[in-house]
Each structure stands twice: as structure tokens, then as C-alpha cells.
Amino acid sequence: MRDQTGRRRAVGKALTALLPMAPYADTEPIRAEALAQHMRTLPPSVAVWLAAVAHIRHVHTDYETLLAEGYDRDAARFFVIDRINEVLTSWRATRLLDPDDAEI
């Protein structure tokens, strides 16, 4: 139990540090995903980053529409990277996606 509380606290700190101006309606799903079982082996800051990028991609971009139109995952991710960075910037994120990074 103590380990779960420590992890929860660390994820909360990482979320606040990475996305200080993110709305509560967005931070809670990001927090939940960062605390998911499949993220337990990752450092809290990495789990929060991955959860945040995935959340923004699926909720705040046309990613799902692009997939439905037949674009493959990599192409769809390429086309939404600018929008993801816009959202991250509006939330005063301390990090942005690099378009040249192979893993986005």
C-alpha cells in the first residue's frame, strides 16, 4: 500500500512539473494512465510524459479521424505532431515533441 501511495505522489509531482497549466479534465485521465499497471516499471516522469502525449493525441487532435481515413499509425502521428505541441505549449509544458524523433 505504501508503495502505491509513493508512486501516486511521484506521478502527481511529475504531472505538475511537466504540465503546470493543464486543465483538471485532462490531468485526471493522464494521471490514471500514468498509474496503470503497464506503466509501473517506468519512472513516474516517463509514465506521465507518455500518458500525456497519448491523451493529447487521442483527445485533442484529428488522430482518430486520420486512422479512420486509412492513414497508418506513423503517418497519422506525423500529421498531428504540431497540434500536440500546440496543446503542450498552452499547458506550459516543460517539454515538446521533436518531429525528428522516431518514437512519437
C-alpha atoms as a PDB file:
ATOM      1  CA  MET A   1       0.000   0.000   0.000  1.00  0.00           C
ATOM      2  CA  ARG A   2       2.795   2.420   0.905  1.00  0.00           C
ATOM      3  CA  ASP A   3       4.457   1.753  -2.468  1.00  0.00           C
ATOM      4  CA  GLN A   4       1.238   2.653  -4.312  1.00  0.00           C
ATOM      5  CA  THR A   5       0.919   5.880  -2.335  1.00  0.00           C
ATOM      6  CA  GLY A   6       4.535   6.769  -3.082  1.00  0.00           C
ATOM      7  CA  ARG A   7       4.021   6.088  -6.773  1.00  0.00           C
ATOM      8  CA  ARG A   8       0.807   8.143  -6.783  1.00  0.00           C
ATOM      9  CA  ARG A   9       2.605  11.051  -5.119  1.00  0.00           C
ATOM     10  CA  ALA A  10       5.557  10.821  -7.546  1.00  0.00           C
ATOM     11  CA  VAL A  11       3.216  10.769 -10.555  1.00  0.00           C
ATOM     12  CA  GLY A  12       1.377  13.801  -9.165  1.00  0.00           C
ATOM     13  CA  LYS A  13       4.624  15.719  -8.767  1.00  0.00           C
ATOM     14  CA  ALA A  14       5.765  14.757 -12.269  1.00  0.00           C
ATOM     15  CA  LEU A  15       2.404  15.805 -13.702  1.00  0.00           C
ATOM     16  CA  THR A  16       2.578  19.203 -12.008  1.00  0.00           C
ATOM     17  CA  ALA A  17       6.177  19.724 -13.083  1.00  0.00           C
ATOM     18  CA  LEU A  18       5.621  18.674 -16.699  1.00  0.00           C
ATOM     19  CA  LEU A  19       2.188  20.214 -17.339  1.00  0.00           C
ATOM     20  CA  PRO A  20       1.660  23.023 -14.828  1.00  0.00           C
ATOM     21  CA  MET A  21      -1.304  24.620 -16.633  1.00  0.00           C
ATOM     22  CA  ALA A  22      -3.118  21.508 -17.865  1.00  0.00           C
ATOM     23  CA  PRO A  23      -6.848  21.519 -17.083  1.00  0.00           C
ATOM     24  CA  TYR A  24      -8.125  19.142 -14.407  1.00  0.00           C
ATOM     25  CA  ALA A  25     -10.338  17.421 -17.001  1.00  0.00           C
ATOM     26  CA  ASP A  26      -7.152  16.417 -18.810  1.00  0.00           C
ATOM     27  CA  THR A  27      -4.824  15.792 -15.882  1.00  0.00           C
ATOM     28  CA  GLU A  28      -7.021  13.161 -14.283  1.00  0.00           C
ATOM     29  CA  PRO A  29      -7.089  10.787 -17.293  1.00  0.00           C
ATOM     30  CA  ILE A  30      -3.354  11.374 -17.746  1.00  0.00           C
ATOM     31  CA  ARG A  31      -2.749  10.581 -14.070  1.00  0.00           C
ATOM     32  CA  ALA A  32      -4.863   7.425 -14.300  1.00  0.00           C
ATOM     33  CA  GLU A  33      -2.956   6.207 -17.350  1.00  0.00           C
ATOM     34  CA  ALA A  34       0.427   7.005 -15.788  1.00  0.00           C
ATOM     35  CA  LEU A  35      -0.606   4.922 -12.761  1.00  0.00           C
ATOM     36  CA  ALA A  36      -1.805   1.988 -14.889  1.00  0.00           C
ATOM     37  CA  GLN A  37      -0.222  -1.387 -14.342  1.00  0.00           C
ATOM     38  CA  HIS A  38       1.624  -1.409 -17.687  1.00  0.00           C
ATOM     39  CA  MET A  39       3.404   1.843 -16.715  1.00  0.00           C
ATOM     40  CA  ARG A  40       4.597   0.634 -13.282  1.00  0.00           C
ATOM     41  CA  THR A  41       8.102  -0.237 -14.452  1.00  0.00           C
ATOM     42  CA  LEU A  42       8.700   3.245 -15.877  1.00  0.00           C
ATOM     43  CA  PRO A  43       9.928   6.218 -13.873  1.00  0.00           C
ATOM     44  CA  PRO A  44       6.992   8.500 -12.970  1.00  0.00           C
ATOM     45  CA  SER A  45       8.206  11.308 -15.238  1.00  0.00           C
ATOM     46  CA  VAL A  46       8.370   8.977 -18.247  1.00  0.00           C
ATOM     47  CA  ALA A  47       4.974   7.450 -17.477  1.00  0.00           C
ATOM     48  CA  VAL A  48       3.413  10.917 -17.234  1.00  0.00           C
ATOM     49  CA  TRP A  49       5.045  12.057 -20.486  1.00  0.00           C
ATOM     50  CA  LEU A  50       3.866   9.002 -22.424  1.00  0.00           C
ATOM     51  CA  ALA A  51       0.373   9.222 -20.937  1.00  0.00           C
ATOM     52  CA  ALA A  52       0.151  12.953 -21.690  1.00  0.00           C
ATOM     53  CA  VAL A  53       1.221  12.613 -25.316  1.00  0.00           C
ATOM     54  CA  ALA A  54      -1.171   9.705 -25.892  1.00  0.00           C
ATOM     55  CA  HIS A  55      -4.043  11.565 -24.212  1.00  0.00           C
ATOM     56  CA  ILE A  56      -3.482  14.709 -26.264  1.00  0.00           C
ATOM     57  CA  ARG A  57      -3.114  12.685 -29.464  1.00  0.00           C
ATOM     58  CA  HIS A  58      -6.415  10.867 -28.954  1.00  0.00           C
ATOM     59  CA  VAL A  59      -8.487  13.672 -27.397  1.00  0.00           C
ATOM     60  CA  HIS A  60      -7.174  16.946 -28.818  1.00  0.00           C
ATOM     61  CA  THR A  61      -6.172  16.080 -32.394  1.00  0.00           C
ATOM     62  CA  ASP A  62      -7.601  14.515 -35.561  1.00  0.00           C
ATOM     63  CA  TYR A  63      -5.545  11.354 -34.993  1.00  0.00           C
ATOM     64  CA  GLU A  64      -8.556   9.022 -34.785  1.00  0.00           C
ATOM     65  CA  THR A  65     -10.088  10.594 -37.906  1.00  0.00           C
ATOM     66  CA  LEU A  66      -6.855  10.129 -39.832  1.00  0.00           C
ATOM     67  CA  LEU A  67      -6.733   6.464 -38.831  1.00  0.00           C
ATOM     68  CA  ALA A  68     -10.356   6.028 -39.900  1.00  0.00           C
ATOM     69  CA  GLU A  69      -9.499   7.587 -43.266  1.00  0.00           C
ATOM     70  CA  GLY A  70      -6.873   4.914 -43.837  1.00  0.00           C
ATOM     71  CA  TYR A  71      -3.652   6.568 -42.756  1.00  0.00           C
ATOM     72  CA  ASP A  72      -1.267   4.230 -40.989  1.00  0.00           C
ATOM     73  CA  ARG A  73      -0.309   4.951 -37.387  1.00  0.00           C
ATOM     74  CA  ASP A  74       3.044   6.565 -38.191  1.00  0.00           C
ATOM     75  CA  ALA A  75       1.601   8.863 -40.855  1.00  0.00           C
ATOM     76  CA  ALA A  76      -1.288   9.900 -38.607  1.00  0.00           C
ATOM     77  CA  ARG A  77       1.146  10.653 -35.777  1.00  0.00           C
ATOM     78  CA  PHE A  78       3.269  12.752 -38.121  1.00  0.00           C
ATOM     79  CA  PHE A  79       0.293  14.866 -39.160  1.00  0.00           C
ATOM     80  CA  VAL A  80      -0.813  15.626 -35.585  1.00  0.00           C
ATOM     81  CA  ILE A  81       2.566  16.449 -34.029  1.00  0.00           C
ATOM     82  CA  ASP A  82       2.147  20.222 -34.477  1.00  0.00           C
ATOM     83  CA  ARG A  83      -1.264  20.147 -32.791  1.00  0.00           C
ATOM     84  CA  ILE A  84       0.140  18.082 -29.911  1.00  0.00           C
ATOM     85  CA  ASN A  85       2.888  20.669 -29.441  1.00  0.00           C
ATOM     86  CA  GLU A  86       0.290  23.473 -29.517  1.00  0.00           C
ATOM     87  CA  VAL A  87      -1.618  21.829 -26.669  1.00  0.00           C
ATOM     88  CA  LEU A  88       1.585  21.167 -24.740  1.00  0.00           C
ATOM     89  CA  THR A  89       2.575  24.818 -25.174  1.00  0.00           C
ATOM     90  CA  SER A  90      -0.820  26.062 -23.996  1.00  0.00           C
ATOM     91  CA  TRP A  91      -0.400  23.897 -20.880  1.00  0.00           C
ATOM     92  CA  ARG A  92       3.081  25.410 -20.335  1.00  0.00           C
ATOM     93  CA  ALA A  93       4.724  22.020 -20.778  1.00  0.00           C
ATOM     94  CA  THR A  94       8.399  21.818 -19.958  1.00  0.00           C
ATOM     95  CA  ARG A  95       8.952  19.586 -22.973  1.00  0.00           C
ATOM     96  CA  LEU A  96       7.655  19.313 -26.546  1.00  0.00           C
ATOM     97  CA  LEU A  97       7.675  16.555 -29.119  1.00  0.00           C
ATOM     98  CA  ASP A  98      10.560  16.565 -31.549  1.00  0.00           C
ATOM     99  CA  PRO A  99       9.314  15.959 -35.114  1.00  0.00           C
ATOM    100  CA  ASP A 100      12.602  14.201 -35.912  1.00  0.00           C
ATOM    101  CA  ASP A 101      12.186  11.709 -33.062  1.00  0.00           C
ATOM    102  CA  ALA A 102      11.326   8.271 -34.408  1.00  0.00           C
ATOM    103  CA  GLU A 103       9.206   7.395 -31.366  1.00  0.00           C
ATOM    104  CA  ILE A 104       6.298   9.820 -31.140  1.00  0.00           C
END
